[in-house]
Amino acid sequence: MHPWRHAVTLLPSARCTHPYRTDILADQENSERTAGGLVGAIAGKAKEAAGSLVGLEQAARKRQEKKRDAAEIERKRLAASRQAASRSAKAEEQRAAKERLKSLDVKADALGEREQVLTATDEAKRLGDAASRVKAERKTGPNGNRS
């Protein structure tokens, strides 16, 4: 209870002598009967002002709470966005790694085929040279004489 409320709060047994006005103000915490007339009006205005202050404080708290909630939502949204970007980057890296591996496999296969071709070419040349020697030996004979 606010300190100024004690000054205008009357005991239930006290009655206002003003014939036209008796104010009963309801407080959220406590129901009180106040004097009517000028004193009652002043008390009513004071209570109304206090209620307004309480209302303003509650509104300010709600605004702060909404700001905190909005900031938390934004923080979560940004975190989710960063996670999605991270997942996307990882997926792109994996795709690129698979592409590089596939490219290396193709190159390895090409090199293997080239090696086989070179080996076959070398073997063909060796066999051709051997055949030429044999042919030359037949013409000249084993001792180098022509027959």
N, C-alpha and C. Protein backbone atom coordinates (compact mmCIF):
# COMPACT_ATOMS: atom_id res chain seq x y z
N MET A 1 0.84 -1.17 0.00
CA MET A 1 0.00 0.00 0.00
C MET A 1 0.89 1.24 0.00
N HIS A 2 0.49 2.26 -0.76
CA HIS A 2 1.27 3.47 -0.85
C HIS A 2 1.09 4.32 0.40
N PRO A 3 2.11 5.10 0.79
CA PRO A 3 2.05 5.87 2.02
C PRO A 3 0.92 6.90 2.05
N TRP A 4 0.57 7.55 0.97
CA TRP A 4 -0.45 8.58 1.01
C TRP A 4 -1.86 7.99 1.15
N ARG A 5 -2.03 6.73 0.89
CA ARG A 5 -3.35 6.10 1.04
C ARG A 5 -3.76 6.04 2.51
N HIS A 6 -2.79 5.92 3.39
CA HIS A 6 -3.10 5.86 4.81
C HIS A 6 -3.73 7.17 5.30
N ALA A 7 -3.37 8.26 4.68
CA ALA A 7 -3.86 9.56 5.13
C ALA A 7 -5.33 9.74 4.83
N VAL A 8 -5.85 9.13 3.77
CA VAL A 8 -7.23 9.36 3.40
C VAL A 8 -8.12 8.15 3.64
N THR A 9 -7.56 7.06 4.04
CA THR A 9 -8.36 5.87 4.28
C THR A 9 -9.07 6.00 5.61
N LEU A 10 -10.36 5.76 5.59
CA LEU A 10 -11.15 5.86 6.81
C LEU A 10 -11.48 4.47 7.31
N LEU A 11 -11.68 4.37 8.55
CA LEU A 11 -12.11 3.11 9.12
C LEU A 11 -13.53 2.83 8.66
N PRO A 12 -13.91 1.55 8.58
CA PRO A 12 -15.27 1.25 8.11
C PRO A 12 -16.34 1.90 8.97
N SER A 13 -16.07 2.16 10.23
CA SER A 13 -17.08 2.77 11.10
C SER A 13 -17.24 4.27 10.83
N ALA A 14 -16.23 4.91 10.22
CA ALA A 14 -16.30 6.34 9.94
C ALA A 14 -17.19 6.56 8.72
N ARG A 15 -18.03 7.51 8.78
CA ARG A 15 -18.94 7.80 7.68
C ARG A 15 -18.73 9.23 7.21
N CYS A 16 -18.95 9.42 5.95
CA CYS A 16 -18.84 10.74 5.35
C CYS A 16 -20.13 11.51 5.66
N THR A 17 -19.97 12.76 6.00
CA THR A 17 -21.14 13.56 6.33
C THR A 17 -21.65 14.32 5.12
N HIS A 18 -20.91 14.26 4.02
CA HIS A 18 -21.35 14.94 2.81
C HIS A 18 -22.53 14.19 2.23
N PRO A 19 -23.67 14.86 1.99
CA PRO A 19 -24.89 14.15 1.59
C PRO A 19 -24.88 13.63 0.15
N TYR A 20 -24.03 14.19 -0.73
CA TYR A 20 -24.12 13.83 -2.14
C TYR A 20 -23.09 12.82 -2.64
N ARG A 21 -21.99 12.69 -1.95
CA ARG A 21 -20.95 11.86 -2.53
C ARG A 21 -20.23 11.02 -1.50
N THR A 22 -20.15 9.76 -1.77
CA THR A 22 -19.31 8.84 -1.01
C THR A 22 -18.65 7.95 -2.05
N ASP A 23 -17.33 8.00 -2.14
CA ASP A 23 -16.60 7.19 -3.12
C ASP A 23 -16.11 5.90 -2.49
N ILE A 24 -16.30 4.85 -3.22
CA ILE A 24 -15.72 3.56 -2.82
C ILE A 24 -14.79 3.16 -3.96
N LEU A 25 -13.54 3.13 -3.68
CA LEU A 25 -12.56 2.78 -4.70
C LEU A 25 -12.06 1.36 -4.45
N ALA A 26 -11.99 0.63 -5.49
CA ALA A 26 -11.50 -0.76 -5.35
C ALA A 26 -10.02 -0.78 -5.71
N ASP A 27 -9.26 -1.30 -4.82
CA ASP A 27 -7.83 -1.51 -5.05
C ASP A 27 -7.66 -2.98 -5.40
N GLN A 28 -6.69 -3.30 -6.21
CA GLN A 28 -6.47 -4.71 -6.58
C GLN A 28 -6.10 -5.54 -5.37
N GLU A 29 -5.39 -4.96 -4.43
CA GLU A 29 -4.95 -5.71 -3.25
C GLU A 29 -6.00 -5.68 -2.14
N ASN A 30 -6.72 -4.56 -2.05
CA ASN A 30 -7.54 -4.36 -0.87
C ASN A 30 -8.71 -3.45 -1.24
N SER A 31 -9.88 -3.73 -0.75
CA SER A 31 -11.02 -2.88 -0.99
C SER A 31 -11.10 -1.88 0.16
N GLU A 32 -11.17 -0.60 -0.16
CA GLU A 32 -11.15 0.43 0.87
C GLU A 32 -12.32 1.39 0.67
N ARG A 33 -12.76 1.97 1.76
CA ARG A 33 -13.80 2.99 1.68
C ARG A 33 -13.13 4.32 2.01
N THR A 34 -13.32 5.30 1.14
CA THR A 34 -12.69 6.61 1.37
C THR A 34 -13.76 7.66 1.58
N ALA A 35 -13.32 8.78 2.08
CA ALA A 35 -14.25 9.87 2.36
C ALA A 35 -14.70 10.49 1.06
N GLY A 36 -15.90 11.07 1.07
CA GLY A 36 -16.42 11.71 -0.12
C GLY A 36 -16.04 13.17 -0.15
N GLY A 37 -16.60 13.89 -1.07
CA GLY A 37 -16.35 15.32 -1.16
C GLY A 37 -14.97 15.61 -1.70
N LEU A 38 -14.45 16.75 -1.28
CA LEU A 38 -13.14 17.21 -1.75
C LEU A 38 -12.04 16.25 -1.34
N VAL A 39 -12.07 15.81 -0.09
CA VAL A 39 -11.05 14.87 0.39
C VAL A 39 -11.15 13.56 -0.40
N GLY A 40 -12.37 13.10 -0.61
CA GLY A 40 -12.58 11.86 -1.38
C GLY A 40 -12.13 12.01 -2.82
N ALA A 41 -12.42 13.17 -3.40
CA ALA A 41 -12.02 13.42 -4.78
C ALA A 41 -10.50 13.43 -4.89
N ILE A 42 -9.87 14.09 -3.92
CA ILE A 42 -8.40 14.13 -3.92
C ILE A 42 -7.85 12.73 -3.74
N ALA A 43 -8.45 12.01 -2.81
CA ALA A 43 -8.00 10.63 -2.57
C ALA A 43 -8.21 9.79 -3.83
N GLY A 44 -9.36 9.99 -4.47
CA GLY A 44 -9.65 9.24 -5.70
C GLY A 44 -8.65 9.56 -6.79
N LYS A 45 -8.34 10.85 -6.96
CA LYS A 45 -7.36 11.26 -7.97
C LYS A 45 -5.98 10.70 -7.64
N ALA A 46 -5.62 10.71 -6.34
CA ALA A 46 -4.32 10.17 -5.94
C ALA A 46 -4.27 8.68 -6.25
N LYS A 47 -5.35 7.98 -5.94
CA LYS A 47 -5.38 6.54 -6.21
C LYS A 47 -5.37 6.28 -7.71
N GLU A 48 -6.09 7.10 -8.44
CA GLU A 48 -6.12 6.95 -9.89
C GLU A 48 -4.72 7.17 -10.48
N ALA A 49 -4.04 8.22 -9.97
CA ALA A 49 -2.68 8.49 -10.43
C ALA A 49 -1.75 7.33 -10.08
N ALA A 50 -1.91 6.82 -8.87
CA ALA A 50 -1.09 5.68 -8.46
C ALA A 50 -1.39 4.48 -9.34
N GLY A 51 -2.69 4.29 -9.63
CA GLY A 51 -3.07 3.19 -10.52
C GLY A 51 -2.50 3.39 -11.91
N SER A 52 -2.51 4.67 -12.36
CA SER A 52 -1.93 4.97 -13.67
C SER A 52 -0.45 4.65 -13.67
N LEU A 53 0.23 5.02 -12.59
CA LEU A 53 1.66 4.72 -12.51
C LEU A 53 1.89 3.21 -12.53
N VAL A 54 1.07 2.49 -11.77
CA VAL A 54 1.19 1.04 -11.77
C VAL A 54 0.91 0.50 -13.17
N GLY A 55 -0.13 1.04 -13.81
CA GLY A 55 -0.45 0.64 -15.18
C GLY A 55 0.68 0.95 -16.14
N LEU A 56 1.28 2.13 -15.97
CA LEU A 56 2.41 2.50 -16.82
C LEU A 56 3.59 1.59 -16.58
N GLU A 57 3.82 1.26 -15.31
CA GLU A 57 4.92 0.35 -14.99
C GLU A 57 4.67 -1.02 -15.60
N GLN A 58 3.42 -1.49 -15.50
CA GLN A 58 3.09 -2.78 -16.09
C GLN A 58 3.25 -2.74 -17.61
N ALA A 59 2.81 -1.65 -18.22
CA ALA A 59 2.95 -1.51 -19.67
C ALA A 59 4.42 -1.47 -20.06
N ALA A 60 5.22 -0.75 -19.27
CA ALA A 60 6.66 -0.70 -19.55
C ALA A 60 7.28 -2.09 -19.41
N ARG A 61 6.87 -2.83 -18.37
CA ARG A 61 7.38 -4.20 -18.20
C ARG A 61 6.98 -5.07 -19.37
N LYS A 62 5.74 -4.91 -19.82
CA LYS A 62 5.27 -5.71 -20.97
C LYS A 62 6.05 -5.35 -22.22
N ARG A 63 6.30 -4.04 -22.42
CA ARG A 63 7.10 -3.62 -23.59
C ARG A 63 8.50 -4.22 -23.51
N GLN A 64 9.10 -4.15 -22.33
CA GLN A 64 10.44 -4.73 -22.15
C GLN A 64 10.41 -6.23 -22.42
N GLU A 65 9.38 -6.89 -21.92
CA GLU A 65 9.24 -8.34 -22.13
C GLU A 65 9.09 -8.64 -23.62
N LYS A 66 8.28 -7.83 -24.31
CA LYS A 66 8.11 -8.02 -25.75
C LYS A 66 9.43 -7.80 -26.49
N LYS A 67 10.19 -6.77 -26.06
CA LYS A 67 11.49 -6.52 -26.67
C LYS A 67 12.43 -7.70 -26.45
N ARG A 68 12.44 -8.23 -25.21
CA ARG A 68 13.28 -9.39 -24.91
C ARG A 68 12.86 -10.59 -25.74
N ASP A 69 11.55 -10.80 -25.83
CA ASP A 69 11.04 -11.92 -26.62
C ASP A 69 11.42 -11.76 -28.09
N ALA A 70 11.26 -10.55 -28.61
CA ALA A 70 11.60 -10.29 -30.01
C ALA A 70 13.10 -10.50 -30.24
N ALA A 71 13.91 -10.04 -29.29
CA ALA A 71 15.36 -10.23 -29.42
C ALA A 71 15.71 -11.71 -29.38
N GLU A 72 15.05 -12.46 -28.51
CA GLU A 72 15.30 -13.90 -28.41
C GLU A 72 14.88 -14.60 -29.70
N ILE A 73 13.73 -14.22 -30.24
CA ILE A 73 13.27 -14.80 -31.51
C ILE A 73 14.26 -14.48 -32.62
N GLU A 74 14.73 -13.25 -32.67
CA GLU A 74 15.71 -12.84 -33.70
C GLU A 74 17.02 -13.62 -33.53
N ARG A 75 17.45 -13.79 -32.27
CA ARG A 75 18.68 -14.55 -32.02
C ARG A 75 18.52 -15.99 -32.49
N LYS A 76 17.37 -16.58 -32.20
CA LYS A 76 17.13 -17.97 -32.64
C LYS A 76 17.06 -18.05 -34.15
N ARG A 77 16.43 -17.04 -34.78
CA ARG A 77 16.32 -17.03 -36.24
C ARG A 77 17.70 -16.93 -36.88
N LEU A 78 18.54 -16.06 -36.33
CA LEU A 78 19.89 -15.93 -36.85
C LEU A 78 20.70 -17.21 -36.65
N ALA A 79 20.54 -17.84 -35.49
CA ALA A 79 21.25 -19.10 -35.23
C ALA A 79 20.80 -20.17 -36.21
N ALA A 80 19.50 -20.25 -36.46
CA ALA A 80 18.98 -21.23 -37.42
C ALA A 80 19.50 -20.93 -38.82
N SER A 81 19.57 -19.65 -39.16
CA SER A 81 20.08 -19.25 -40.47
C SER A 81 21.55 -19.64 -40.61
N ARG A 82 22.33 -19.40 -39.54
CA ARG A 82 23.75 -19.79 -39.58
C ARG A 82 23.90 -21.29 -39.70
N GLN A 83 23.07 -22.04 -38.99
CA GLN A 83 23.14 -23.51 -39.07
C GLN A 83 22.78 -23.98 -40.48
N ALA A 84 21.76 -23.39 -41.07
CA ALA A 84 21.37 -23.77 -42.42
C ALA A 84 22.49 -23.44 -43.41
N ALA A 85 23.11 -22.29 -43.24
CA ALA A 85 24.22 -21.91 -44.12
C ALA A 85 25.39 -22.87 -43.94
N SER A 86 25.66 -23.27 -42.70
CA SER A 86 26.74 -24.20 -42.41
C SER A 86 26.45 -25.56 -43.06
N ARG A 87 25.21 -26.03 -42.92
CA ARG A 87 24.83 -27.31 -43.54
C ARG A 87 24.96 -27.22 -45.05
N SER A 88 24.54 -26.10 -45.62
CA SER A 88 24.62 -25.91 -47.06
C SER A 88 26.08 -25.90 -47.52
N ALA A 89 26.94 -25.21 -46.77
CA ALA A 89 28.36 -25.16 -47.11
C ALA A 89 28.99 -26.55 -47.02
N LYS A 90 28.63 -27.31 -45.97
CA LYS A 90 29.15 -28.68 -45.84
C LYS A 90 28.71 -29.54 -47.01
N ALA A 91 27.45 -29.43 -47.37
CA ALA A 91 26.93 -30.21 -48.50
C ALA A 91 27.66 -29.84 -49.79
N GLU A 92 27.93 -28.55 -49.97
CA GLU A 92 28.66 -28.09 -51.16
C GLU A 92 30.09 -28.63 -51.15
N GLU A 93 30.73 -28.62 -49.97
CA GLU A 93 32.09 -29.16 -49.87
C GLU A 93 32.10 -30.65 -50.18
N GLN A 94 31.12 -31.38 -49.68
CA GLN A 94 31.05 -32.82 -49.95
C GLN A 94 30.82 -33.08 -51.44
N ARG A 95 29.95 -32.29 -52.06
CA ARG A 95 29.70 -32.45 -53.48
C ARG A 95 30.97 -32.16 -54.28
N ALA A 96 31.68 -31.10 -53.90
CA ALA A 96 32.92 -30.74 -54.59
C ALA A 96 33.97 -31.84 -54.40
N ALA A 97 34.05 -32.40 -53.19
CA ALA A 97 35.01 -33.48 -52.92
C ALA A 97 34.68 -34.70 -53.77
N LYS A 98 33.40 -35.03 -53.90
CA LYS A 98 32.99 -36.16 -54.74
C LYS A 98 33.36 -35.91 -56.20
N GLU A 99 33.14 -34.66 -56.65
CA GLU A 99 33.50 -34.30 -58.03
C GLU A 99 35.01 -34.44 -58.25
N ARG A 100 35.79 -33.95 -57.27
CA ARG A 100 37.26 -34.07 -57.41
C ARG A 100 37.68 -35.53 -57.43
N LEU A 101 37.07 -36.35 -56.57
CA LEU A 101 37.39 -37.77 -56.53
C LEU A 101 37.03 -38.45 -57.86
N LYS A 102 35.87 -38.10 -58.38
CA LYS A 102 35.44 -38.66 -59.67
C LYS A 102 36.41 -38.24 -60.77
N SER A 103 36.81 -36.98 -60.76
CA SER A 103 37.77 -36.48 -61.75
C SER A 103 39.11 -37.21 -61.63
N LEU A 104 39.55 -37.42 -60.40
CA LEU A 104 40.81 -38.14 -60.19
C LEU A 104 40.69 -39.59 -60.65
N ASP A 105 39.54 -40.20 -60.42
CA ASP A 105 39.33 -41.57 -60.90
C ASP A 105 39.41 -41.64 -62.42
N VAL A 106 38.78 -40.67 -63.08
CA VAL A 106 38.81 -40.63 -64.54
C VAL A 106 40.25 -40.45 -65.03
N LYS A 107 41.00 -39.56 -64.38
CA LYS A 107 42.41 -39.34 -64.76
C LYS A 107 43.24 -40.59 -64.51
N ALA A 108 42.99 -41.26 -63.37
CA ALA A 108 43.73 -42.48 -63.06
C ALA A 108 43.43 -43.55 -64.10
N ASP A 109 42.17 -43.67 -64.50
CA ASP A 109 41.81 -44.64 -65.54
C ASP A 109 42.51 -44.29 -66.85
N ALA A 110 42.52 -43.01 -67.21
CA ALA A 110 43.17 -42.58 -68.46
C ALA A 110 44.67 -42.86 -68.40
N LEU A 111 45.29 -42.59 -67.25
CA LEU A 111 46.72 -42.86 -67.11
C LEU A 111 47.00 -44.37 -67.19
N GLY A 112 46.11 -45.16 -66.60
CA GLY A 112 46.27 -46.62 -66.67
C GLY A 112 46.18 -47.10 -68.11
N GLU A 113 45.21 -46.57 -68.86
CA GLU A 113 45.07 -46.94 -70.27
C GLU A 113 46.29 -46.49 -71.06
N ARG A 114 46.77 -45.29 -70.77
CA ARG A 114 47.96 -44.78 -71.49
C ARG A 114 49.17 -45.66 -71.20
N GLU A 115 49.31 -46.05 -69.95
CA GLU A 115 50.42 -46.93 -69.58
C GLU A 115 50.33 -48.26 -70.33
N GLN A 116 49.12 -48.80 -70.45
CA GLN A 116 48.94 -50.05 -71.18
C GLN A 116 49.29 -49.86 -72.66
N VAL A 117 48.88 -48.71 -73.21
CA VAL A 117 49.20 -48.41 -74.61
C VAL A 117 50.70 -48.30 -74.79
N LEU A 118 51.38 -47.59 -73.89
CA LEU A 118 52.84 -47.45 -73.99
C LEU A 118 53.53 -48.80 -73.84
N THR A 119 53.04 -49.60 -72.91
CA THR A 119 53.62 -50.93 -72.72
C THR A 119 53.42 -51.77 -73.98
N ALA A 120 52.22 -51.69 -74.53
CA ALA A 120 51.95 -52.45 -75.76
C ALA A 120 52.81 -51.95 -76.91
N THR A 121 52.98 -50.63 -76.99
CA THR A 121 53.81 -50.04 -78.05
C THR A 121 55.26 -50.48 -77.88
N ASP A 122 55.76 -50.41 -76.64
CA ASP A 122 57.14 -50.85 -76.38
C ASP A 122 57.30 -52.33 -76.71
N GLU A 123 56.33 -53.13 -76.35
CA GLU A 123 56.40 -54.56 -76.62
C GLU A 123 56.36 -54.82 -78.12
N ALA A 124 55.50 -54.07 -78.82
CA ALA A 124 55.42 -54.23 -80.28
C ALA A 124 56.75 -53.84 -80.93
N LYS A 125 57.36 -52.77 -80.45
CA LYS A 125 58.65 -52.33 -81.01
C LYS A 125 59.72 -53.38 -80.73
N ARG A 126 59.73 -53.90 -79.49
CA ARG A 126 60.71 -54.92 -79.14
C ARG A 126 60.52 -56.16 -80.03
N LEU A 127 59.28 -56.58 -80.20
CA LEU A 127 59.02 -57.74 -81.04
C LEU A 127 59.37 -57.45 -82.50
N GLY A 128 59.08 -56.24 -82.95
CA GLY A 128 59.44 -55.86 -84.33
C GLY A 128 60.95 -55.87 -84.52
N ASP A 129 61.68 -55.35 -83.54
CA ASP A 129 63.14 -55.36 -83.62
C ASP A 129 63.66 -56.80 -83.62
N ALA A 130 63.09 -57.64 -82.77
CA ALA A 130 63.51 -59.04 -82.71
C ALA A 130 63.21 -59.73 -84.02
N ALA A 131 62.04 -59.44 -84.60
CA ALA A 131 61.69 -60.07 -85.89
C ALA A 131 62.64 -59.59 -86.98
N SER A 132 63.00 -58.33 -86.95
CA SER A 132 63.94 -57.80 -87.95
C SER A 132 65.30 -58.47 -87.81
N ARG A 133 65.74 -58.70 -86.58
CA ARG A 133 67.03 -59.38 -86.37
C ARG A 133 66.98 -60.81 -86.89
N VAL A 134 65.88 -61.48 -86.60
CA VAL A 134 65.75 -62.87 -87.06
C VAL A 134 65.74 -62.90 -88.57
N LYS A 135 65.02 -61.99 -89.18
CA LYS A 135 64.95 -61.92 -90.63
C LYS A 135 66.33 -61.64 -91.21
N ALA A 136 67.03 -60.73 -90.59
CA ALA A 136 68.37 -60.37 -91.07
C ALA A 136 69.30 -61.56 -90.91
N GLU A 137 69.14 -62.30 -89.85
CA GLU A 137 70.00 -63.47 -89.64
C GLU A 137 69.69 -64.54 -90.67
N ARG A 138 68.46 -64.70 -91.06
CA ARG A 138 68.12 -65.69 -92.08
C ARG A 138 68.76 -65.33 -93.41
N LYS A 139 68.75 -64.08 -93.73
CA LYS A 139 69.33 -63.65 -95.00
C LYS A 139 70.84 -63.81 -94.98
N THR A 140 71.45 -63.48 -93.94
CA THR A 140 72.92 -63.52 -93.87
C THR A 140 73.41 -64.81 -93.30
N GLY A 141 72.62 -65.51 -92.62
CA GLY A 141 73.05 -66.76 -92.01
C GLY A 141 73.50 -66.51 -90.59
N PRO A 142 73.69 -67.62 -89.86
CA PRO A 142 74.05 -67.47 -88.47
C PRO A 142 75.45 -66.88 -88.28
N ASN A 143 76.35 -67.10 -89.21
CA ASN A 143 77.72 -66.62 -89.06
C ASN A 143 77.92 -65.23 -89.65
N GLY A 144 76.88 -64.66 -90.18
CA GLY A 144 77.01 -63.35 -90.78
C GLY A 144 77.29 -63.45 -92.26
N ASN A 145 77.34 -64.68 -92.85
CA ASN A 145 77.54 -64.86 -94.30
C ASN A 145 76.20 -64.84 -95.02
N ARG A 146 76.23 -64.37 -96.22
CA ARG A 146 74.99 -64.34 -96.98
C ARG A 146 74.81 -65.68 -97.63
N SER A 147 73.60 -66.18 -97.54
CA SER A 147 73.40 -67.46 -98.19
C SER A 147 72.64 -67.37 -99.45
